[in-house]
Amino acid sequence: MKKEISICWLRRDLRLEDHTALYHALKGPHPVLLLFIFDTNILSKLPVKDARVTFIYNTIKELNA
C-alpha cells in the first residue's frame, strides 16, 4: 500500500518560520517531506566559500540530524 505524503519545496531559502506552504502542509493529514535542491546553475556562479551556501548546507545538516 502506498503512503501519502505532502512535499514542501524550499526553493530559494530555508525560511521555516514564515513559510506559507510549509504551514499548510504541516496542518494537513500527511507526513511532510521538505525538499531543497542545490541548483548548480546558481551555485556555479558563486564564490567557492560563499556564506549563503555554507549556511544552507549547515542548516540542512541540522534538519537531518
C-alpha atoms as a PDB file:
ATOM      1  CA  MET A   1       0.000   0.000   0.000  1.00  0.00           C
ATOM      2  CA  LYS A   2       1.337   3.420  -0.930  1.00  0.00           C
ATOM      3  CA  LYS A   3       1.633   6.022   1.800  1.00  0.00           C
ATOM      4  CA  GLU A   4       0.570   9.588   1.015  1.00  0.00           C
ATOM      5  CA  ILE A   5       2.887  12.452   1.890  1.00  0.00           C
ATOM      6  CA  SER A   6       2.978  16.200   1.412  1.00  0.00           C
ATOM      7  CA  ILE A   7       6.052  17.698  -0.244  1.00  0.00           C
ATOM      8  CA  CYS A   8       7.149  21.225   0.558  1.00  0.00           C
ATOM      9  CA  TRP A   9       9.760  22.590  -1.832  1.00  0.00           C
ATOM     10  CA  LEU A  10      12.055  25.200  -0.283  1.00  0.00           C
ATOM     11  CA  ARG A  11      13.092  26.936  -3.478  1.00  0.00           C
ATOM     12  CA  ARG A  12      15.442  29.804  -2.680  1.00  0.00           C
ATOM     13  CA  ASP A  13      15.976  29.781   1.062  1.00  0.00           C
ATOM     14  CA  LEU A  14      15.273  27.820   4.188  1.00  0.00           C
ATOM     15  CA  ARG A  15      12.686  30.033   5.830  1.00  0.00           C
ATOM     16  CA  LEU A  16      10.725  27.791   8.158  1.00  0.00           C
ATOM     17  CA  GLU A  17       9.007  30.272  10.462  1.00  0.00           C
ATOM     18  CA  ASP A  18       7.065  32.303   7.897  1.00  0.00           C
ATOM     19  CA  HIS A  19       6.686  29.814   5.046  1.00  0.00           C
ATOM     20  CA  THR A  20       3.028  29.659   3.985  1.00  0.00           C
ATOM     21  CA  ALA A  21       3.267  26.404   2.010  1.00  0.00           C
ATOM     22  CA  LEU A  22       5.050  24.647   4.871  1.00  0.00           C
ATOM     23  CA  TYR A  23       2.459  25.917   7.342  1.00  0.00           C
ATOM     24  CA  HIS A  24      -0.383  24.454   5.293  1.00  0.00           C
ATOM     25  CA  ALA A  25       1.463  21.188   4.650  1.00  0.00           C
ATOM     26  CA  LEU A  26       2.049  20.713   8.388  1.00  0.00           C
ATOM     27  CA  LYS A  27      -1.631  21.375   9.112  1.00  0.00           C
ATOM     28  CA  GLY A  28      -2.598  18.608   6.697  1.00  0.00           C
ATOM     29  CA  PRO A  29      -3.136  14.936   7.478  1.00  0.00           C
ATOM     30  CA  HIS A  30       0.048  13.578   5.857  1.00  0.00           C
ATOM     31  CA  PRO A  31       3.723  13.497   6.856  1.00  0.00           C
ATOM     32  CA  VAL A  32       5.711  16.342   5.272  1.00  0.00           C
ATOM     33  CA  LEU A  33       8.855  15.919   3.202  1.00  0.00           C
ATOM     34  CA  LEU A  34      10.972  19.087   2.947  1.00  0.00           C
ATOM     35  CA  LEU A  35      12.757  19.342  -0.379  1.00  0.00           C
ATOM     36  CA  PHE A  36      15.645  21.651  -1.196  1.00  0.00           C
ATOM     37  CA  ILE A  37      17.652  21.339  -4.397  1.00  0.00           C
ATOM     38  CA  PHE A  38      21.165  22.741  -4.742  1.00  0.00           C
ATOM     39  CA  ASP A  39      20.834  24.314  -8.195  1.00  0.00           C
ATOM     40  CA  THR A  40      24.160  24.037  -9.999  1.00  0.00           C
ATOM     41  CA  ASN A  41      23.142  26.867 -12.349  1.00  0.00           C
ATOM     42  CA  ILE A  42      23.131  29.169  -9.331  1.00  0.00           C
ATOM     43  CA  LEU A  43      25.987  27.563  -7.382  1.00  0.00           C
ATOM     44  CA  SER A  44      28.446  27.615 -10.275  1.00  0.00           C
ATOM     45  CA  LYS A  45      28.236  31.439 -10.347  1.00  0.00           C
ATOM     46  CA  LEU A  46      29.048  31.849  -6.626  1.00  0.00           C
ATOM     47  CA  PRO A  47      32.477  32.010  -4.971  1.00  0.00           C
ATOM     48  CA  VAL A  48      33.758  28.696  -3.609  1.00  0.00           C
ATOM     49  CA  LYS A  49      33.403  29.846   0.026  1.00  0.00           C
ATOM     50  CA  ASP A  50      30.077  31.664  -0.197  1.00  0.00           C
ATOM     51  CA  ALA A  51      28.474  32.261   3.224  1.00  0.00           C
ATOM     52  CA  ARG A  52      24.966  31.662   1.829  1.00  0.00           C
ATOM     53  CA  VAL A  53      25.844  28.199   0.578  1.00  0.00           C
ATOM     54  CA  THR A  54      27.607  27.340   3.835  1.00  0.00           C
ATOM     55  CA  PHE A  55      24.530  28.468   5.801  1.00  0.00           C
ATOM     56  CA  ILE A  56      22.195  26.368   3.646  1.00  0.00           C
ATOM     57  CA  TYR A  57      24.440  23.304   3.864  1.00  0.00           C
ATOM     58  CA  ASN A  58      24.768  23.583   7.667  1.00  0.00           C
ATOM     59  CA  THR A  59      21.039  24.133   8.127  1.00  0.00           C
ATOM     60  CA  ILE A  60      20.195  21.066   6.046  1.00  0.00           C
ATOM     61  CA  LYS A  61      22.685  19.017   8.091  1.00  0.00           C
ATOM     62  CA  GLU A  62      20.960  20.169  11.295  1.00  0.00           C
ATOM     63  CA  LEU A  63      17.494  19.366   9.920  1.00  0.00           C
ATOM     64  CA  ASN A  64      18.631  15.841   9.042  1.00  0.00           C
ATOM     65  CA  ALA A  65      20.176  15.228  12.472  1.00  0.00           C
END
